[in-house]
Amino acid sequence: MTEPIATDPTGDIGRVRLRIGDTIEGKGVFPDNRNFLDAEITALIVDEDNSWQRACAAAFEVLAASWADVPDIKIGPRTESSSKVALRYQSLAMRFRTQYGGVAGAGTAFSVAFKRDDGYVTDA
């Protein structure tokens, strides 16, 4: 059975975890179900001028980059679309950047490529 990560929800690390949905140990937000380490979240907070809100944006940027590396899979009628997950995280990052400021991709550079039905690749 999985357990909640023991983090103070009123502290900055807990606030970031709550907003990005990384609260259950072993069911993390990365493609391999890994959770962010507390040290990684702390580094994001420090990099974002000690703003936990901007650290959320940075975490979403990290997640978008991580999910962009996972290929979409289609077997018969079943499709697993990791590119949509990456785009969702990118959208959340932009929303947090718009609301709380900071430089998008301050420590992370990424783009999301997806294959269109007609065979061409488009960068999003």
C-alpha atoms as a PDB file:
ATOM      1  CA  MET A   1       0.000   0.000   0.000  1.00  0.00           C
ATOM      2  CA  THR A   2       1.284   3.465  -0.824  1.00  0.00           C
ATOM      3  CA  GLU A   3       1.541   6.144   1.804  1.00  0.00           C
ATOM      4  CA  PRO A   4       1.387   9.928   1.629  1.00  0.00           C
ATOM      5  CA  ILE A   5       4.767  11.614   1.640  1.00  0.00           C
ATOM      6  CA  ALA A   6       5.437  12.992   5.110  1.00  0.00           C
ATOM      7  CA  THR A   7       5.739  16.679   4.279  1.00  0.00           C
ATOM      8  CA  ASP A   8       4.383  19.632   6.208  1.00  0.00           C
ATOM      9  CA  PRO A   9       1.599  20.977   3.953  1.00  0.00           C
ATOM     10  CA  THR A  10       2.126  24.472   5.373  1.00  0.00           C
ATOM     11  CA  GLY A  11       5.842  24.507   4.477  1.00  0.00           C
ATOM     12  CA  ASP A  12       7.142  25.499   1.061  1.00  0.00           C
ATOM     13  CA  ILE A  13       8.082  21.949   0.012  1.00  0.00           C
ATOM     14  CA  GLY A  14       4.632  20.685   1.003  1.00  0.00           C
ATOM     15  CA  ARG A  15       2.926  23.531  -0.853  1.00  0.00           C
ATOM     16  CA  VAL A  16       4.844  22.682  -4.020  1.00  0.00           C
ATOM     17  CA  ARG A  17       4.081  18.959  -3.660  1.00  0.00           C
ATOM     18  CA  LEU A  18       0.375  19.658  -3.164  1.00  0.00           C
ATOM     19  CA  ARG A  19       0.123  21.944  -6.213  1.00  0.00           C
ATOM     20  CA  ILE A  20       2.000  19.607  -8.562  1.00  0.00           C
ATOM     21  CA  GLY A  21       0.207  16.476  -7.333  1.00  0.00           C
ATOM     22  CA  ASP A  22       3.310  14.758  -5.952  1.00  0.00           C
ATOM     23  CA  THR A  23       1.961  13.632  -2.587  1.00  0.00           C
ATOM     24  CA  ILE A  24       1.921   9.803  -2.695  1.00  0.00           C
ATOM     25  CA  GLU A  25       5.182   7.902  -2.265  1.00  0.00           C
ATOM     26  CA  GLY A  26       5.874   5.582  -5.204  1.00  0.00           C
ATOM     27  CA  LYS A  27       3.155   7.206  -7.315  1.00  0.00           C
ATOM     28  CA  GLY A  28       5.135  10.260  -8.300  1.00  0.00           C
ATOM     29  CA  VAL A  29       4.635  12.652 -11.154  1.00  0.00           C
ATOM     30  CA  PHE A  30       7.579  11.512 -13.281  1.00  0.00           C
ATOM     31  CA  PRO A  31       7.060   8.969 -16.095  1.00  0.00           C
ATOM     32  CA  ASP A  32       8.691   6.242 -13.987  1.00  0.00           C
ATOM     33  CA  ASN A  33       6.423   7.102 -10.997  1.00  0.00           C
ATOM     34  CA  ARG A  34       9.354   8.694  -9.193  1.00  0.00           C
ATOM     35  CA  ASN A  35       8.624  11.477  -6.745  1.00  0.00           C
ATOM     36  CA  PHE A  36      10.548  14.726  -6.576  1.00  0.00           C
ATOM     37  CA  LEU A  37      13.175  14.596  -3.850  1.00  0.00           C
ATOM     38  CA  ASP A  38      12.809  17.240  -1.135  1.00  0.00           C
ATOM     39  CA  ALA A  39      16.283  18.475  -2.143  1.00  0.00           C
ATOM     40  CA  GLU A  40      15.122  18.925  -5.754  1.00  0.00           C
ATOM     41  CA  ILE A  41      12.102  20.958  -4.667  1.00  0.00           C
ATOM     42  CA  THR A  42      14.295  23.016  -2.338  1.00  0.00           C
ATOM     43  CA  ALA A  43      16.661  23.737  -5.247  1.00  0.00           C
ATOM     44  CA  LEU A  44      13.720  24.896  -7.387  1.00  0.00           C
ATOM     45  CA  ILE A  45      12.509  27.182  -4.595  1.00  0.00           C
ATOM     46  CA  VAL A  46      15.985  28.685  -4.192  1.00  0.00           C
ATOM     47  CA  ASP A  47      16.396  29.071  -7.983  1.00  0.00           C
ATOM     48  CA  GLU A  48      13.052  30.877  -8.092  1.00  0.00           C
ATOM     49  CA  ASP A  49      14.038  33.525  -5.521  1.00  0.00           C
ATOM     50  CA  ASN A  50      12.459  31.584  -2.636  1.00  0.00           C
ATOM     51  CA  SER A  51       8.991  31.666  -4.202  1.00  0.00           C
ATOM     52  CA  TRP A  52       7.174  28.360  -3.804  1.00  0.00           C
ATOM     53  CA  GLN A  53       4.639  29.496  -6.419  1.00  0.00           C
ATOM     54  CA  ARG A  54       7.359  30.065  -9.011  1.00  0.00           C
ATOM     55  CA  ALA A  55       8.966  26.794  -7.920  1.00  0.00           C
ATOM     56  CA  CYS A  56       5.705  25.100  -8.952  1.00  0.00           C
ATOM     57  CA  ALA A  57       6.109  26.598 -12.424  1.00  0.00           C
ATOM     58  CA  ALA A  58       9.695  25.339 -12.535  1.00  0.00           C
ATOM     59  CA  ALA A  59       8.576  21.871 -11.399  1.00  0.00           C
ATOM     60  CA  PHE A  60       5.966  21.782 -14.156  1.00  0.00           C
ATOM     61  CA  GLU A  61       8.720  22.749 -16.646  1.00  0.00           C
ATOM     62  CA  VAL A  62      10.891  19.881 -15.391  1.00  0.00           C
ATOM     63  CA  LEU A  63       7.947  17.504 -15.720  1.00  0.00           C
ATOM     64  CA  ALA A  64       7.126  18.701 -19.231  1.00  0.00           C
ATOM     65  CA  ALA A  65      10.717  17.998 -20.249  1.00  0.00           C
ATOM     66  CA  SER A  66      10.625  14.556 -18.612  1.00  0.00           C
ATOM     67  CA  TRP A  67       7.358  13.533 -20.243  1.00  0.00           C
ATOM     68  CA  ALA A  68       8.455  14.898 -23.646  1.00  0.00           C
ATOM     69  CA  ASP A  69      11.072  12.136 -23.791  1.00  0.00           C
ATOM     70  CA  VAL A  70       8.453   9.392 -23.474  1.00  0.00           C
ATOM     71  CA  PRO A  71       7.142   8.213 -26.849  1.00  0.00           C
ATOM     72  CA  ASP A  72       3.457   7.947 -27.640  1.00  0.00           C
ATOM     73  CA  ILE A  73       2.361   4.323 -28.022  1.00  0.00           C
ATOM     74  CA  LYS A  74      -0.475   3.013 -30.171  1.00  0.00           C
ATOM     75  CA  ILE A  75      -1.391  -0.654 -30.253  1.00  0.00           C
ATOM     76  CA  GLY A  76      -4.608  -1.296 -32.114  1.00  0.00           C
ATOM     77  CA  PRO A  77      -7.335   0.974 -30.720  1.00  0.00           C
ATOM     78  CA  ARG A  78      -5.378   1.696 -27.518  1.00  0.00           C
ATOM     79  CA  THR A  79      -3.191   4.817 -27.356  1.00  0.00           C
ATOM     80  CA  GLU A  80      -0.983   6.120 -24.569  1.00  0.00           C
ATOM     81  CA  SER A  81      -0.208   9.751 -25.332  1.00  0.00           C
ATOM     82  CA  SER A  82       2.735  10.983 -23.268  1.00  0.00           C
ATOM     83  CA  SER A  83       3.043  14.045 -25.494  1.00  0.00           C
ATOM     84  CA  LYS A  84      -0.341  15.220 -24.186  1.00  0.00           C
ATOM     85  CA  VAL A  85       0.925  14.845 -20.629  1.00  0.00           C
ATOM     86  CA  ALA A  86       3.990  16.930 -21.527  1.00  0.00           C
ATOM     87  CA  LEU A  87       1.803  19.602 -23.123  1.00  0.00           C
ATOM     88  CA  ARG A  88      -0.451  19.684 -20.046  1.00  0.00           C
ATOM     89  CA  TYR A  89       2.550  20.256 -17.767  1.00  0.00           C
ATOM     90  CA  GLN A  90       3.835  22.934 -20.131  1.00  0.00           C
ATOM     91  CA  SER A  91       0.438  24.638 -20.003  1.00  0.00           C
ATOM     92  CA  LEU A  92       0.411  24.525 -16.196  1.00  0.00           C
ATOM     93  CA  ALA A  93       3.926  25.992 -16.107  1.00  0.00           C
ATOM     94  CA  MET A  94       2.851  28.867 -18.342  1.00  0.00           C
ATOM     95  CA  ARG A  95      -0.220  29.488 -16.180  1.00  0.00           C
ATOM     96  CA  PHE A  96       1.910  29.677 -13.017  1.00  0.00           C
ATOM     97  CA  ARG A  97       4.485  31.887 -14.788  1.00  0.00           C
ATOM     98  CA  THR A  98       1.736  34.245 -15.913  1.00  0.00           C
ATOM     99  CA  GLN A  99       0.237  34.421 -12.433  1.00  0.00           C
ATOM    100  CA  TYR A 100       3.421  34.526 -10.326  1.00  0.00           C
ATOM    101  CA  GLY A 101       6.145  35.802 -12.659  1.00  0.00           C
ATOM    102  CA  GLY A 102       9.622  34.534 -13.258  1.00  0.00           C
ATOM    103  CA  VAL A 103      11.345  33.500 -16.422  1.00  0.00           C
ATOM    104  CA  ALA A 104       9.869  30.495 -18.197  1.00  0.00           C
ATOM    105  CA  GLY A 105      12.397  27.697 -18.370  1.00  0.00           C
ATOM    106  CA  ALA A 106      14.795  29.544 -16.077  1.00  0.00           C
ATOM    107  CA  GLY A 107      16.777  26.392 -15.484  1.00  0.00           C
ATOM    108  CA  THR A 108      15.191  24.053 -17.972  1.00  0.00           C
ATOM    109  CA  ALA A 109      15.085  24.100 -21.748  1.00  0.00           C
ATOM    110  CA  PHE A 110      12.635  21.850 -23.533  1.00  0.00           C
ATOM    111  CA  SER A 111      10.358  21.464 -26.486  1.00  0.00           C
ATOM    112  CA  VAL A 112       7.666  18.934 -27.137  1.00  0.00           C
ATOM    113  CA  ALA A 113       7.528  17.212 -30.510  1.00  0.00           C
ATOM    114  CA  PHE A 114       4.605  15.089 -31.532  1.00  0.00           C
ATOM    115  CA  LYS A 115       3.820  13.123 -34.646  1.00  0.00           C
ATOM    116  CA  ARG A 116       0.829  14.241 -36.623  1.00  0.00           C
ATOM    117  CA  ASP A 117      -1.412  11.739 -38.407  1.00  0.00           C
ATOM    118  CA  ASP A 118      -0.017  12.853 -41.773  1.00  0.00           C
ATOM    119  CA  GLY A 119       3.529  11.873 -40.738  1.00  0.00           C
ATOM    120  CA  TYR A 120       4.998  15.329 -40.204  1.00  0.00           C
ATOM    121  CA  VAL A 121       6.519  16.409 -36.907  1.00  0.00           C
ATOM    122  CA  THR A 122       5.485  19.692 -35.339  1.00  0.00           C
ATOM    123  CA  ASP A 123       7.240  21.393 -32.438  1.00  0.00           C
ATOM    124  CA  ALA A 124       4.863  22.630 -29.787  1.00  0.00           C
END
